[in-house]
Amino acid sequence: MRVIYQIPNDDPRKSQAAAKAAEDAGFDGIVALENAHGPIPALTAAAMATERVQLGTAVLIAFPRSPIHHRPCRLGPQQAVGRAVLPWSRLAGERP
């Protein structure tokens, strides 16, 4: 069984601290939700503070986002650490 932890996304410093604490506690992955701030900045900050946990979105509203237009958002955390799993990656058949 994989255990995943939800990080806050209202402040990148909180995201980093929570992600590092989750990784240190042995969680397999971390996720961020869609809200006023969006999950991508929180996941990018978390990627910079962690080494092994898988990163993903718990909720990511797709209709306002074009996969092509928002590919740079995916590439932020993906290029930082190579552990990002975002919905449009799976829809496009890509593997992070």
C-alpha atoms as a PDB file:
ATOM      1  CA  MET A   1       0.000   0.000   0.000  1.00  0.00           C
ATOM      2  CA  ARG A   2       1.212   3.501  -0.831  1.00  0.00           C
ATOM      3  CA  VAL A   3       0.614   6.292   1.647  1.00  0.00           C
ATOM      4  CA  ILE A   4       0.319   9.840   0.344  1.00  0.00           C
ATOM      5  CA  TYR A   5       0.292  13.123   2.265  1.00  0.00           C
ATOM      6  CA  GLN A   6      -1.423  16.379   1.267  1.00  0.00           C
ATOM      7  CA  ILE A   7       0.745  19.490   1.592  1.00  0.00           C
ATOM      8  CA  PRO A   8      -0.519  23.060   2.048  1.00  0.00           C
ATOM      9  CA  ASN A   9      -0.231  25.315  -0.974  1.00  0.00           C
ATOM     10  CA  ASP A  10      -0.848  28.769   0.431  1.00  0.00           C
ATOM     11  CA  ASP A  11       2.857  29.445   1.137  1.00  0.00           C
ATOM     12  CA  PRO A  12       5.850  27.803  -0.606  1.00  0.00           C
ATOM     13  CA  ARG A  13       7.803  27.721   2.663  1.00  0.00           C
ATOM     14  CA  LYS A  14       5.001  25.753   4.324  1.00  0.00           C
ATOM     15  CA  SER A  15       4.866  23.453   1.291  1.00  0.00           C
ATOM     16  CA  GLN A  16       8.578  22.749   1.514  1.00  0.00           C
ATOM     17  CA  ALA A  17       8.499  22.126   5.257  1.00  0.00           C
ATOM     18  CA  ALA A  18       5.472  19.838   5.061  1.00  0.00           C
ATOM     19  CA  ALA A  19       6.908  17.900   2.113  1.00  0.00           C
ATOM     20  CA  LYS A  20      10.238  17.366   3.856  1.00  0.00           C
ATOM     21  CA  ALA A  21       8.467  16.270   7.060  1.00  0.00           C
ATOM     22  CA  ALA A  22       6.296  13.839   5.080  1.00  0.00           C
ATOM     23  CA  GLU A  23       9.323  12.376   3.322  1.00  0.00           C
ATOM     24  CA  ASP A  24      11.196  12.032   6.616  1.00  0.00           C
ATOM     25  CA  ALA A  25       8.145  10.302   8.124  1.00  0.00           C
ATOM     26  CA  GLY A  26       8.203   7.705   5.347  1.00  0.00           C
ATOM     27  CA  PHE A  27       5.294   8.755   3.142  1.00  0.00           C
ATOM     28  CA  ASP A  28       5.453   7.463  -0.438  1.00  0.00           C
ATOM     29  CA  GLY A  29       4.132  10.587  -2.104  1.00  0.00           C
ATOM     30  CA  ILE A  30       2.776  14.066  -1.624  1.00  0.00           C
ATOM     31  CA  VAL A  31      -0.060  15.874  -3.352  1.00  0.00           C
ATOM     32  CA  ALA A  32      -1.367  19.427  -3.514  1.00  0.00           C
ATOM     33  CA  LEU A  33      -4.942  20.504  -4.186  1.00  0.00           C
ATOM     34  CA  GLU A  34      -6.430  22.965  -6.625  1.00  0.00           C
ATOM     35  CA  ASN A  35      -7.546  26.134  -4.865  1.00  0.00           C
ATOM     36  CA  ALA A  36      -6.896  29.867  -5.158  1.00  0.00           C
ATOM     37  CA  HIS A  37      -3.151  29.265  -5.391  1.00  0.00           C
ATOM     38  CA  GLY A  38      -3.094  26.136  -7.558  1.00  0.00           C
ATOM     39  CA  PRO A  39      -1.016  23.013  -6.945  1.00  0.00           C
ATOM     40  CA  ILE A  40       1.923  23.648  -9.280  1.00  0.00           C
ATOM     41  CA  PRO A  41       3.844  26.262  -7.212  1.00  0.00           C
ATOM     42  CA  ALA A  42       3.482  24.145  -4.059  1.00  0.00           C
ATOM     43  CA  LEU A  43       4.700  21.017  -5.837  1.00  0.00           C
ATOM     44  CA  THR A  44       7.643  22.871  -7.354  1.00  0.00           C
ATOM     45  CA  ALA A  45       8.656  24.134  -3.911  1.00  0.00           C
ATOM     46  CA  ALA A  46       8.200  20.644  -2.463  1.00  0.00           C
ATOM     47  CA  ALA A  47      10.319  19.127  -5.228  1.00  0.00           C
ATOM     48  CA  MET A  48      13.210  21.328  -4.228  1.00  0.00           C
ATOM     49  CA  ALA A  49      13.017  20.152  -0.600  1.00  0.00           C
ATOM     50  CA  THR A  50      12.618  16.399  -1.143  1.00  0.00           C
ATOM     51  CA  GLU A  51      14.550  13.571  -2.761  1.00  0.00           C
ATOM     52  CA  ARG A  52      12.407  10.439  -3.118  1.00  0.00           C
ATOM     53  CA  VAL A  53       8.665  11.061  -2.664  1.00  0.00           C
ATOM     54  CA  GLN A  54       6.462  11.056  -5.733  1.00  0.00           C
ATOM     55  CA  LEU A  55       4.775  14.397  -6.443  1.00  0.00           C
ATOM     56  CA  GLY A  56       1.258  14.733  -7.788  1.00  0.00           C
ATOM     57  CA  THR A  57      -1.952  16.699  -7.831  1.00  0.00           C
ATOM     58  CA  ALA A  58      -4.883  15.566  -5.721  1.00  0.00           C
ATOM     59  CA  VAL A  59      -7.191  17.789  -7.784  1.00  0.00           C
ATOM     60  CA  LEU A  60      -6.308  19.750 -10.898  1.00  0.00           C
ATOM     61  CA  ILE A  61      -9.180  21.353 -12.796  1.00  0.00           C
ATOM     62  CA  ALA A  62      -8.562  20.467 -16.430  1.00  0.00           C
ATOM     63  CA  PHE A  63     -11.048  22.577 -18.403  1.00  0.00           C
ATOM     64  CA  PRO A  64      -9.250  25.938 -18.017  1.00  0.00           C
ATOM     65  CA  ARG A  65      -5.900  24.338 -18.906  1.00  0.00           C
ATOM     66  CA  SER A  66      -4.625  23.296 -22.285  1.00  0.00           C
ATOM     67  CA  PRO A  67      -1.972  20.566 -22.003  1.00  0.00           C
ATOM     68  CA  ILE A  68       0.193  22.372 -24.525  1.00  0.00           C
ATOM     69  CA  HIS A  69      -0.205  25.787 -22.913  1.00  0.00           C
ATOM     70  CA  HIS A  70       0.540  24.483 -19.422  1.00  0.00           C
ATOM     71  CA  ARG A  71       3.327  22.099 -20.303  1.00  0.00           C
ATOM     72  CA  PRO A  72       5.881  24.548 -18.841  1.00  0.00           C
ATOM     73  CA  CYS A  73       4.066  24.208 -15.480  1.00  0.00           C
ATOM     74  CA  ARG A  74       4.604  20.471 -15.614  1.00  0.00           C
ATOM     75  CA  LEU A  75       8.211  20.887 -16.627  1.00  0.00           C
ATOM     76  CA  GLY A  76       8.984  22.998 -13.541  1.00  0.00           C
ATOM     77  CA  PRO A  77       8.755  20.191 -10.976  1.00  0.00           C
ATOM     78  CA  GLN A  78       9.551  17.486 -13.542  1.00  0.00           C
ATOM     79  CA  GLN A  79      12.848  19.046 -14.598  1.00  0.00           C
ATOM     80  CA  ALA A  80      13.697  19.919 -11.009  1.00  0.00           C
ATOM     81  CA  VAL A  81      13.594  16.356  -9.770  1.00  0.00           C
ATOM     82  CA  GLY A  82      12.014  13.997 -12.310  1.00  0.00           C
ATOM     83  CA  ARG A  83       9.246  12.825  -9.946  1.00  0.00           C
ATOM     84  CA  ALA A  84       6.195  14.819 -11.041  1.00  0.00           C
ATOM     85  CA  VAL A  85       3.005  12.987 -11.959  1.00  0.00           C
ATOM     86  CA  LEU A  86       0.398  15.363 -13.321  1.00  0.00           C
ATOM     87  CA  PRO A  87      -2.884  14.517 -15.092  1.00  0.00           C
ATOM     88  CA  TRP A  88      -1.949  15.723 -18.546  1.00  0.00           C
ATOM     89  CA  SER A  89       1.165  13.527 -18.456  1.00  0.00           C
ATOM     90  CA  ARG A  90      -1.018  10.468 -18.169  1.00  0.00           C
ATOM     91  CA  LEU A  91      -3.555  11.710 -20.704  1.00  0.00           C
ATOM     92  CA  ALA A  92      -0.840  12.295 -23.246  1.00  0.00           C
ATOM     93  CA  GLY A  93       0.640   8.867 -22.584  1.00  0.00           C
ATOM     94  CA  GLU A  94       3.864  10.278 -21.170  1.00  0.00           C
ATOM     95  CA  ARG A  95       5.691   8.827 -18.226  1.00  0.00           C
ATOM     96  CA  PRO A  96       7.490  11.201 -15.857  1.00  0.00           C
END
